[in-house]
């Protein structure tokens, strides 16, 4: 399936393409997936579908667009522009930017998650994005639901960090009260434990590997 040679676990034999894509998404960092060429083309599409929105956005930082910052108008049909002219212009855009992009599959997947099919994304014209949006409705709904859980986990993690910071400041303000300091130490420990649990939960929800 893969253009390169992905690492295979002992039980990888008999994996389907989706199974291999899931394995790579679960075990490889975004930077390694990009470096290995796994987020472009057909294989990239399968892997991108397994990633959470924060991972897809991180992948976009490796895109050609992020590096060279082309004119964004190249990716959209102008008002009143004849379809034939637009088709020629977008073909040049795909050739000059998308074809060489190492994360074009992630770009297209993020556009679908965001329901953004107006311009060229990941080398796909708006009509192709629209067809995929319709054909993959159920999958995308499931992916967005998982992305929502990731966002919720992120908010909880941030709130836990703020609470830990508040308690730490409270501790520093009780220098003359030993009993209060002991109480605050226990509160800080509990808050730190809770924060660490939420950090781990967020990383899991976001699909980050241990090394990410």
Protein backbone atom coordinates (compact mmCIF):
# COMPACT_ATOMS: atom_id res chain seq x y z
CA UNK A 1 0.00 0.00 0.00
CA UNK A 2 2.51 2.62 1.14
CA UNK A 3 5.04 4.28 -1.11
CA UNK A 4 7.78 3.93 1.49
CA UNK A 5 8.20 1.07 3.91
CA UNK A 6 6.19 1.66 7.11
CA UNK A 7 7.21 -0.14 10.27
CA UNK A 8 5.07 -3.19 10.81
CA UNK A 9 4.03 -4.55 14.19
CA UNK A 10 4.15 -8.26 14.83
CA UNK A 11 0.41 -8.56 14.25
CA UNK A 12 0.32 -6.41 11.11
CA UNK A 13 -0.08 -9.39 8.81
CA UNK A 14 -3.51 -9.47 7.29
CA UNK A 15 -4.08 -5.76 7.89
CA UNK A 16 -6.31 -4.00 5.37
CA UNK A 17 -5.22 -0.66 3.89
CA UNK A 18 -7.42 1.07 6.46
CA UNK A 19 -5.79 -0.97 9.21
CA UNK A 20 -2.30 0.01 8.13
CA UNK A 21 -3.39 3.64 7.87
CA UNK A 22 -4.82 3.48 11.40
CA UNK A 23 -1.61 1.92 12.68
CA UNK A 24 0.55 4.64 11.13
CA UNK A 25 -1.74 7.41 12.38
CA UNK A 26 -1.58 5.94 15.90
CA UNK A 27 2.16 5.34 16.07
CA UNK A 28 3.88 7.99 13.96
CA UNK A 29 4.18 11.69 14.74
CA UNK A 30 2.92 14.20 12.18
CA UNK A 31 6.48 15.30 11.40
CA UNK A 32 7.49 11.69 10.70
CA UNK A 33 4.41 11.10 8.54
CA UNK A 34 5.28 14.18 6.50
CA UNK A 35 8.94 13.22 6.22
CA UNK A 36 7.98 9.72 5.11
CA UNK A 37 5.68 11.03 2.39
CA UNK A 38 2.59 9.47 4.01
CA UNK A 39 0.26 12.48 3.75
CA UNK A 40 0.11 12.78 -0.01
CA UNK A 41 -1.77 10.79 -2.63
CA UNK A 42 -4.08 7.82 -2.10
CA UNK A 43 -2.21 6.50 0.93
CA UNK A 44 -2.20 9.97 2.45
CA UNK A 45 -5.96 10.21 2.06
CA UNK A 46 -6.44 7.04 4.11
CA UNK A 47 -4.08 8.21 6.84
CA UNK A 48 -5.50 11.75 6.93
CA UNK A 49 -8.95 10.31 7.56
CA UNK A 50 -7.61 8.73 10.76
CA UNK A 51 -6.15 11.97 12.15
CA UNK A 52 -7.79 14.49 14.44
CA UNK A 53 -8.22 18.13 13.44
CA UNK A 54 -5.28 19.41 15.56
CA UNK A 55 -3.00 16.93 13.80
CA UNK A 56 -4.30 17.96 10.39
CA UNK A 57 -3.66 21.61 11.21
CA UNK A 58 -0.15 20.78 12.34
CA UNK A 59 0.40 18.96 9.07
CA UNK A 60 -0.62 22.08 7.15
CA UNK A 61 2.41 23.89 8.61
CA UNK A 62 4.47 21.66 6.30
CA UNK A 63 2.47 22.62 3.20
CA UNK A 64 3.80 24.37 0.13
CA UNK A 65 1.31 27.18 0.77
CA UNK A 66 2.65 27.70 4.29
CA UNK A 67 6.21 27.83 2.95
CA UNK A 68 5.87 30.02 -0.14
CA UNK A 69 2.62 31.84 0.73
CA UNK A 70 1.18 32.08 -2.80
CA UNK A 71 -1.55 34.49 -3.82
CA UNK A 72 -4.71 33.00 -2.27
CA UNK A 73 -6.74 34.28 -5.26
CA UNK A 74 -5.11 31.51 -7.29
CA UNK A 75 -7.26 29.00 -5.41
CA UNK A 76 -10.63 30.66 -6.06
CA UNK A 77 -12.73 31.41 -9.12
CA UNK A 78 -13.11 35.13 -9.62
CA UNK A 79 -16.54 36.72 -9.90
CA UNK A 80 -17.64 36.55 -13.52
CA UNK A 81 -14.62 34.49 -14.57
CA UNK A 82 -15.55 32.05 -17.38
CA UNK A 83 -15.44 28.43 -16.27
CA UNK A 84 -12.96 27.55 -19.02
CA UNK A 85 -10.54 30.25 -17.85
CA UNK A 86 -10.93 29.17 -14.24
CA UNK A 87 -10.28 25.54 -15.09
CA UNK A 88 -7.05 26.46 -16.85
CA UNK A 89 -5.95 28.73 -14.01
CA UNK A 90 -6.70 26.22 -11.27
CA UNK A 91 -4.88 23.50 -13.25
CA UNK A 92 -1.78 25.71 -13.09
CA UNK A 93 -2.33 26.25 -9.38
CA UNK A 94 -2.59 22.51 -8.75
CA UNK A 95 0.51 21.89 -10.86
CA UNK A 96 2.60 24.63 -9.24
CA UNK A 97 1.52 24.17 -5.63
CA UNK A 98 -0.61 21.13 -4.83
CA UNK A 99 1.15 18.41 -6.82
CA UNK A 100 4.42 19.03 -5.01
CA UNK A 101 2.81 19.51 -1.59
CA UNK A 102 3.74 16.78 0.93
CA UNK A 103 0.48 17.21 2.89
CA UNK A 104 -2.11 17.67 0.17
CA UNK A 105 -4.21 14.78 1.49
CA UNK A 106 -4.31 16.38 4.93
CA UNK A 107 -5.28 19.70 3.33
CA UNK A 108 -8.21 18.11 1.49
CA UNK A 109 -9.36 16.22 4.60
CA UNK A 110 -9.29 19.37 6.73
CA UNK A 111 -11.36 21.19 4.10
CA UNK A 112 -13.95 18.39 4.25
CA UNK A 113 -14.02 18.47 8.07
CA UNK A 114 -14.57 22.24 7.90
CA UNK A 115 -17.21 21.88 5.15
CA UNK A 116 -15.08 24.21 3.00
CA UNK A 117 -15.50 23.34 -0.66
CA UNK A 118 -15.38 26.79 -2.24
CA UNK A 119 -11.82 26.79 -3.55
CA UNK A 120 -9.07 24.35 -4.48
CA UNK A 121 -7.96 22.26 -1.49
CA UNK A 122 -5.36 19.55 -1.51
CA UNK A 123 -5.26 19.60 -5.29
CA UNK A 124 -9.00 18.98 -5.56
CA UNK A 125 -11.38 21.29 -7.39
CA UNK A 126 -14.54 22.46 -5.58
CA UNK A 127 -16.80 20.01 -7.44
CA UNK A 128 -14.60 17.07 -6.42
CA UNK A 129 -14.58 18.23 -2.81
CA UNK A 130 -18.36 18.55 -2.92
CA UNK A 131 -18.76 15.03 -4.27
CA UNK A 132 -16.56 13.66 -1.51
CA UNK A 133 -18.47 15.68 1.07
CA UNK A 134 -21.71 14.03 -0.03
CA UNK A 135 -20.27 10.54 -0.48
CA UNK A 136 -18.50 10.55 2.89
CA UNK A 137 -21.19 12.21 4.99
CA UNK A 138 -21.36 9.48 7.63
CA UNK A 139 -17.59 9.19 8.00
CA UNK A 140 -17.15 12.94 8.25
CA UNK A 141 -19.88 13.27 10.87
CA UNK A 142 -18.10 10.66 12.95
CA UNK A 143 -14.75 12.41 12.47
CA UNK A 144 -16.20 15.78 13.47
CA UNK A 145 -17.71 14.24 16.60
CA UNK A 146 -14.28 12.92 17.59
CA UNK A 147 -12.75 16.32 16.82
CA UNK A 148 -15.36 17.88 19.13
CA UNK A 149 -14.34 15.57 21.95
CA UNK A 150 -10.75 16.59 21.37
CA UNK A 151 -11.68 20.27 21.61
CA UNK A 152 -13.61 19.60 24.83
CA UNK A 153 -10.61 17.76 26.29
CA UNK A 154 -8.39 20.71 25.35
CA UNK A 155 -10.67 23.18 27.14
CA UNK A 156 -10.67 20.98 30.26
CA UNK A 157 -6.87 20.75 30.15
CA UNK A 158 -6.52 24.54 29.91
CA UNK A 159 -8.97 25.05 32.79
CA UNK A 160 -7.05 22.56 34.94
CA UNK A 161 -3.80 24.37 34.23
CA UNK A 162 -5.37 27.70 35.19
CA UNK A 163 -6.67 26.20 38.44
CA UNK A 164 -3.21 24.87 39.28
CA UNK A 165 -1.75 28.30 38.64
CA UNK A 166 -4.38 29.90 40.87
CA UNK A 167 -3.69 27.51 43.73
CA UNK A 168 0.05 28.04 43.38
CA UNK A 169 -0.45 31.78 43.67
CA UNK A 170 -2.68 31.24 46.70
CA UNK A 171 0.03 29.13 48.33
CA UNK A 172 2.62 31.87 47.85
CA UNK A 173 0.27 34.28 49.57
CA UNK A 174 -0.03 32.25 52.81
CA UNK A 175 3.55 32.44 54.08
CA UNK A 176 2.55 33.11 57.72
CA UNK A 177 -0.07 30.37 58.04
CA UNK A 178 1.47 26.87 58.21
CA UNK A 179 -1.86 25.06 58.40
CA UNK A 180 -3.15 26.91 55.35
CA UNK A 181 0.07 26.21 53.46
CA UNK A 182 -0.30 22.47 54.13
CA UNK A 183 -3.87 22.58 52.91
CA UNK A 184 -2.83 24.41 49.78
CA UNK A 185 0.00 21.94 49.13
CA UNK A 186 -2.54 19.11 49.09
CA UNK A 187 -4.83 21.12 46.85
CA UNK A 188 -1.94 21.84 44.48
CA UNK A 189 -0.97 18.18 44.35
CA UNK A 190 -4.55 17.19 43.55
CA UNK A 191 -4.80 19.93 40.91
CA UNK A 192 -1.51 18.81 39.36
CA UNK A 193 -2.72 15.20 39.27
CA UNK A 194 -5.96 16.29 37.63
CA UNK A 195 -4.11 18.44 35.12
CA UNK A 196 -1.80 15.56 34.19
CA UNK A 197 -4.80 13.25 33.73
CA UNK A 198 -6.47 15.79 31.45
CA UNK A 199 -3.26 16.35 29.48
CA UNK A 200 -3.04 12.60 28.90
CA UNK A 201 -6.73 12.45 27.95
CA UNK A 202 -6.31 15.32 25.50
CA UNK A 203 -3.26 13.74 23.89
CA UNK A 204 -5.19 10.50 23.50
CA UNK A 205 -8.24 12.25 22.07
CA UNK A 206 -6.09 14.24 19.69
CA UNK A 207 -4.29 11.09 18.56
CA UNK A 208 -0.84 12.23 19.66
CA UNK A 209 1.75 9.50 20.06
CA UNK A 210 4.03 9.38 23.08
CA UNK A 211 6.80 10.98 21.05
CA UNK A 212 4.61 13.74 19.61
